[in-house]
Each structure stands twice: as C-alpha cells, then as structure tokens.
Amino acid sequence: MSLKKHYTDLVNFYYAAPINQDLKPSLVVKKGQSTLITTIQEQHFHGGKAAHGSIIFKTLDDAAYFAAHSLVRSHFLVTMSLTCQFIKPVFAETITSIGNVIQHSKRYVIAEATSYNKNNDVVAHGTGRFC
C-alpha cells in the first residue's frame, strides 16, 4: 500500500466515525503530522457558555493520533495516554489542531498536538502515547 493511500484510508476512517458526523471536521494527514479543523458550536458548550473540555480533548487526541498513525501501517493504534493542558476558553469558533510525532519506536509512538483559535492563540496542548 502506498503512503498516499494509507493517508487517504486514515482520513476516510476518521470521517466514517459517527461522533464526527456532528462536528464535521476536516483532516489532512502527512508523514508524522496531521491538521484537524473543527468548528465548535454552542451545542458543545458547558454551563459556562464555552466549549466543554471533552471537545477540546478530542481535537488534541485526534490530531496527535493521526500524526502517530501516519507512521504505522502494520496495525490499528490506540491512545494509551494523553495529557492535556487547557490554556484559554473556546467559544463558537473554528479550532485548528496540529499534531506532530515526537518519537517513534517499534513499541509505541509519542505525538503532541496544539489547538489554536481563530486568532491563532494557543487554546490547548497535549502529548500522548499511542500503541
């Protein structure tokens, strides 16, 4: 399987997930990197009228995961851990999350992701281990 097909298969796999039907994200996968664009809407808010952390966590996990999976074609990866830092609240806006691989070994991949708001301010950052 070519790398281009692998990346296309990963994107199609992502779009097919029922949870993504509501978010309507856009995903681009390259070698060791991914870019995820998600539009946050009021239905994703908590009682404080800002995006619930679970949605921001998801953008970080997805961006880091697909950066990691871009390097692995032999098996399906799972997130073993993801530590995230919420930096700024997110409102009804578009979030861009960029994932990059930090380390790749035979047993696991470590990747990070940073999410930016419409003003290009960092709103969250995460680092994860994928096996």
C-alpha atoms as a PDB file:
ATOM      1  CA  MET A   1       0.000   0.000   0.000  1.00  0.00           C
ATOM      2  CA  SER A   2       1.354   3.426  -0.931  1.00  0.00           C
ATOM      3  CA  LEU A   3       1.759   6.153   1.663  1.00  0.00           C
ATOM      4  CA  LYS A   4      -0.781   8.328  -0.139  1.00  0.00           C
ATOM      5  CA  LYS A   5      -3.362   5.523   0.046  1.00  0.00           C
ATOM      6  CA  HIS A   6      -2.537   4.964   3.723  1.00  0.00           C
ATOM      7  CA  TYR A   7      -3.183   8.654   4.466  1.00  0.00           C
ATOM      8  CA  THR A   8      -6.408   8.625   2.429  1.00  0.00           C
ATOM      9  CA  ASP A   9      -7.589   5.491   4.247  1.00  0.00           C
ATOM     10  CA  LEU A  10      -6.897   7.148   7.620  1.00  0.00           C
ATOM     11  CA  VAL A  11      -8.897  10.242   6.649  1.00  0.00           C
ATOM     12  CA  ASN A  12     -11.815   8.157   5.357  1.00  0.00           C
ATOM     13  CA  PHE A  13     -11.741   6.059   8.536  1.00  0.00           C
ATOM     14  CA  TYR A  14     -11.928   9.257  10.586  1.00  0.00           C
ATOM     15  CA  TYR A  15     -14.815  10.733   8.616  1.00  0.00           C
ATOM     16  CA  ALA A  16     -16.797   7.482   8.925  1.00  0.00           C
ATOM     17  CA  ALA A  17     -16.891   7.665  12.741  1.00  0.00           C
ATOM     18  CA  PRO A  18     -20.407   8.520  13.955  1.00  0.00           C
ATOM     19  CA  ILE A  19     -19.078  11.017  16.524  1.00  0.00           C
ATOM     20  CA  ASN A  20     -17.616  13.104  13.708  1.00  0.00           C
ATOM     21  CA  GLN A  21     -20.931  13.492  11.890  1.00  0.00           C
ATOM     22  CA  ASP A  22     -21.934  16.250  14.291  1.00  0.00           C
ATOM     23  CA  LEU A  23     -18.573  18.061  14.323  1.00  0.00           C
ATOM     24  CA  LYS A  24     -17.973  17.905  10.555  1.00  0.00           C
ATOM     25  CA  PRO A  25     -14.187  18.164  10.946  1.00  0.00           C
ATOM     26  CA  SER A  26     -11.603  18.481   8.205  1.00  0.00           C
ATOM     27  CA  LEU A  27      -8.488  16.293   8.470  1.00  0.00           C
ATOM     28  CA  VAL A  28      -5.238  16.286   6.500  1.00  0.00           C
ATOM     29  CA  VAL A  29      -2.630  13.592   7.210  1.00  0.00           C
ATOM     30  CA  LYS A  30       1.023  13.748   6.171  1.00  0.00           C
ATOM     31  CA  LYS A  31       4.098  11.842   7.286  1.00  0.00           C
ATOM     32  CA  GLY A  32       4.375  12.385  11.044  1.00  0.00           C
ATOM     33  CA  GLN A  33       1.856  15.222  11.013  1.00  0.00           C
ATOM     34  CA  SER A  34      -1.847  15.962  10.865  1.00  0.00           C
ATOM     35  CA  THR A  35      -4.004  19.061  10.718  1.00  0.00           C
ATOM     36  CA  LEU A  36      -7.545  18.948  12.045  1.00  0.00           C
ATOM     37  CA  ILE A  37     -10.041  21.791  11.670  1.00  0.00           C
ATOM     38  CA  THR A  38     -13.179  21.656  13.817  1.00  0.00           C
ATOM     39  CA  THR A  39     -15.947  24.209  14.214  1.00  0.00           C
ATOM     40  CA  ILE A  40     -17.134  24.472  17.794  1.00  0.00           C
ATOM     41  CA  GLN A  41     -20.824  25.295  18.180  1.00  0.00           C
ATOM     42  CA  GLU A  42     -22.998  26.230  21.154  1.00  0.00           C
ATOM     43  CA  GLN A  43     -24.241  22.631  21.434  1.00  0.00           C
ATOM     44  CA  HIS A  44     -20.673  21.763  22.556  1.00  0.00           C
ATOM     45  CA  PHE A  45     -20.779  24.277  25.445  1.00  0.00           C
ATOM     46  CA  HIS A  46     -20.874  23.573  29.160  1.00  0.00           C
ATOM     47  CA  GLY A  47     -22.942  25.707  31.557  1.00  0.00           C
ATOM     48  CA  GLY A  48     -20.330  28.490  31.470  1.00  0.00           C
ATOM     49  CA  LYS A  49     -21.076  29.142  27.784  1.00  0.00           C
ATOM     50  CA  ALA A  50     -17.708  27.923  26.466  1.00  0.00           C
ATOM     51  CA  ALA A  51     -16.645  24.663  24.835  1.00  0.00           C
ATOM     52  CA  HIS A  52     -16.658  21.657  27.132  1.00  0.00           C
ATOM     53  CA  GLY A  53     -13.166  20.281  27.731  1.00  0.00           C
ATOM     54  CA  SER A  54     -14.150  16.928  26.257  1.00  0.00           C
ATOM     55  CA  ILE A  55     -14.468  18.521  22.807  1.00  0.00           C
ATOM     56  CA  ILE A  56     -11.069  20.215  23.100  1.00  0.00           C
ATOM     57  CA  PHE A  57      -9.549  16.975  24.410  1.00  0.00           C
ATOM     58  CA  LYS A  58     -10.986  15.212  21.350  1.00  0.00           C
ATOM     59  CA  THR A  59      -9.346  17.674  18.952  1.00  0.00           C
ATOM     60  CA  LEU A  60      -5.977  17.149  20.643  1.00  0.00           C
ATOM     61  CA  ASP A  61      -6.338  13.364  20.734  1.00  0.00           C
ATOM     62  CA  ASP A  62      -7.439  13.149  17.114  1.00  0.00           C
ATOM     63  CA  ALA A  63      -4.657  15.406  15.811  1.00  0.00           C
ATOM     64  CA  ALA A  64      -1.928  13.588  17.770  1.00  0.00           C
ATOM     65  CA  TYR A  65      -3.413  10.168  16.956  1.00  0.00           C
ATOM     66  CA  PHE A  66      -3.451  10.668  13.201  1.00  0.00           C
ATOM     67  CA  ALA A  67       0.051  12.130  13.206  1.00  0.00           C
ATOM     68  CA  ALA A  68       1.143   8.952  15.019  1.00  0.00           C
ATOM     69  CA  HIS A  69      -0.876   6.619  12.805  1.00  0.00           C
ATOM     70  CA  SER A  70       0.622   8.181   9.674  1.00  0.00           C
ATOM     71  CA  LEU A  71       3.821   6.306  10.546  1.00  0.00           C
ATOM     72  CA  VAL A  72       2.190   2.954  11.390  1.00  0.00           C
ATOM     73  CA  ARG A  73       0.658   0.753   8.713  1.00  0.00           C
ATOM     74  CA  SER A  74       1.017  -2.670  10.351  1.00  0.00           C
ATOM     75  CA  HIS A  75      -1.787  -2.382  12.916  1.00  0.00           C
ATOM     76  CA  PHE A  76      -4.525  -0.205  14.382  1.00  0.00           C
ATOM     77  CA  LEU A  77      -3.220   2.210  17.001  1.00  0.00           C
ATOM     78  CA  VAL A  78      -4.963   3.072  20.254  1.00  0.00           C
ATOM     79  CA  THR A  79      -4.401   6.010  22.575  1.00  0.00           C
ATOM     80  CA  MET A  80      -2.629   4.702  25.676  1.00  0.00           C
ATOM     81  CA  SER A  81      -2.427   8.080  27.395  1.00  0.00           C
ATOM     82  CA  LEU A  82      -2.960  11.732  26.602  1.00  0.00           C
ATOM     83  CA  THR A  83      -2.101  14.593  28.895  1.00  0.00           C
ATOM     84  CA  CYS A  84      -3.586  17.933  28.000  1.00  0.00           C
ATOM     85  CA  GLN A  85      -3.343  21.485  29.180  1.00  0.00           C
ATOM     86  CA  PHE A  86      -6.323  23.782  28.646  1.00  0.00           C
ATOM     87  CA  ILE A  87      -4.935  27.284  28.157  1.00  0.00           C
ATOM     88  CA  LYS A  88      -7.821  29.509  27.008  1.00  0.00           C
ATOM     89  CA  PRO A  89     -11.577  29.048  26.772  1.00  0.00           C
ATOM     90  CA  VAL A  90     -13.020  28.226  23.370  1.00  0.00           C
ATOM     91  CA  PHE A  91     -16.281  29.680  22.156  1.00  0.00           C
ATOM     92  CA  ALA A  92     -18.316  29.238  18.966  1.00  0.00           C
ATOM     93  CA  GLU A  93     -15.368  29.328  16.590  1.00  0.00           C
ATOM     94  CA  THR A  94     -13.117  27.263  14.392  1.00  0.00           C
ATOM     95  CA  ILE A  95     -10.272  25.414  16.101  1.00  0.00           C
ATOM     96  CA  THR A  96      -7.208  24.223  14.204  1.00  0.00           C
ATOM     97  CA  SER A  97      -5.287  21.385  15.864  1.00  0.00           C
ATOM     98  CA  ILE A  98      -1.880  20.389  14.578  1.00  0.00           C
ATOM     99  CA  GLY A  99      -0.362  17.056  15.543  1.00  0.00           C
ATOM    100  CA  ASN A 100       3.306  16.098  15.251  1.00  0.00           C
ATOM    101  CA  VAL A 101       5.235  12.956  16.098  1.00  0.00           C
ATOM    102  CA  ILE A 102       7.909  13.433  18.740  1.00  0.00           C
ATOM    103  CA  GLN A 103       9.210   9.858  18.975  1.00  0.00           C
ATOM    104  CA  HIS A 104       8.583   6.670  17.031  1.00  0.00           C
ATOM    105  CA  SER A 105       9.787   3.266  18.190  1.00  0.00           C
ATOM    106  CA  LYS A 106       8.791  -0.321  17.444  1.00  0.00           C
ATOM    107  CA  ARG A 107       6.534  -0.425  20.512  1.00  0.00           C
ATOM    108  CA  TYR A 108       4.857   2.988  20.567  1.00  0.00           C
ATOM    109  CA  VAL A 109       4.613   6.474  19.096  1.00  0.00           C
ATOM    110  CA  ILE A 110       4.636   9.690  21.103  1.00  0.00           C
ATOM    111  CA  ALA A 111       2.903  12.619  19.464  1.00  0.00           C
ATOM    112  CA  GLU A 112       1.855  16.088  20.533  1.00  0.00           C
ATOM    113  CA  ALA A 113      -0.909  18.392  19.380  1.00  0.00           C
ATOM    114  CA  THR A 114      -1.627  22.068  19.773  1.00  0.00           C
ATOM    115  CA  SER A 115      -5.036  23.656  19.207  1.00  0.00           C
ATOM    116  CA  TYR A 116      -5.383  27.243  18.011  1.00  0.00           C
ATOM    117  CA  ASN A 117      -8.430  29.515  17.919  1.00  0.00           C
ATOM    118  CA  LYS A 118      -9.486  31.879  15.120  1.00  0.00           C
ATOM    119  CA  ASN A 119      -6.966  34.481  16.346  1.00  0.00           C
ATOM    120  CA  ASN A 120      -4.150  31.896  16.196  1.00  0.00           C
ATOM    121  CA  ASP A 121      -3.919  31.878  20.004  1.00  0.00           C
ATOM    122  CA  VAL A 122      -2.995  28.561  21.599  1.00  0.00           C
ATOM    123  CA  VAL A 123      -6.050  27.260  23.452  1.00  0.00           C
ATOM    124  CA  ALA A 124      -4.795  23.789  24.397  1.00  0.00           C
ATOM    125  CA  HIS A 125      -1.805  21.479  24.123  1.00  0.00           C
ATOM    126  CA  GLY A 126      -1.478  17.742  24.596  1.00  0.00           C
ATOM    127  CA  THR A 127       1.058  14.952  24.451  1.00  0.00           C
ATOM    128  CA  GLY A 128       0.102  11.316  24.010  1.00  0.00           C
ATOM    129  CA  ARG A 129       1.414   7.789  23.726  1.00  0.00           C
ATOM    130  CA  PHE A 130      -0.067   5.560  21.041  1.00  0.00           C
ATOM    131  CA  CYS A 131       0.471   1.795  20.691  1.00  0.00           C
END
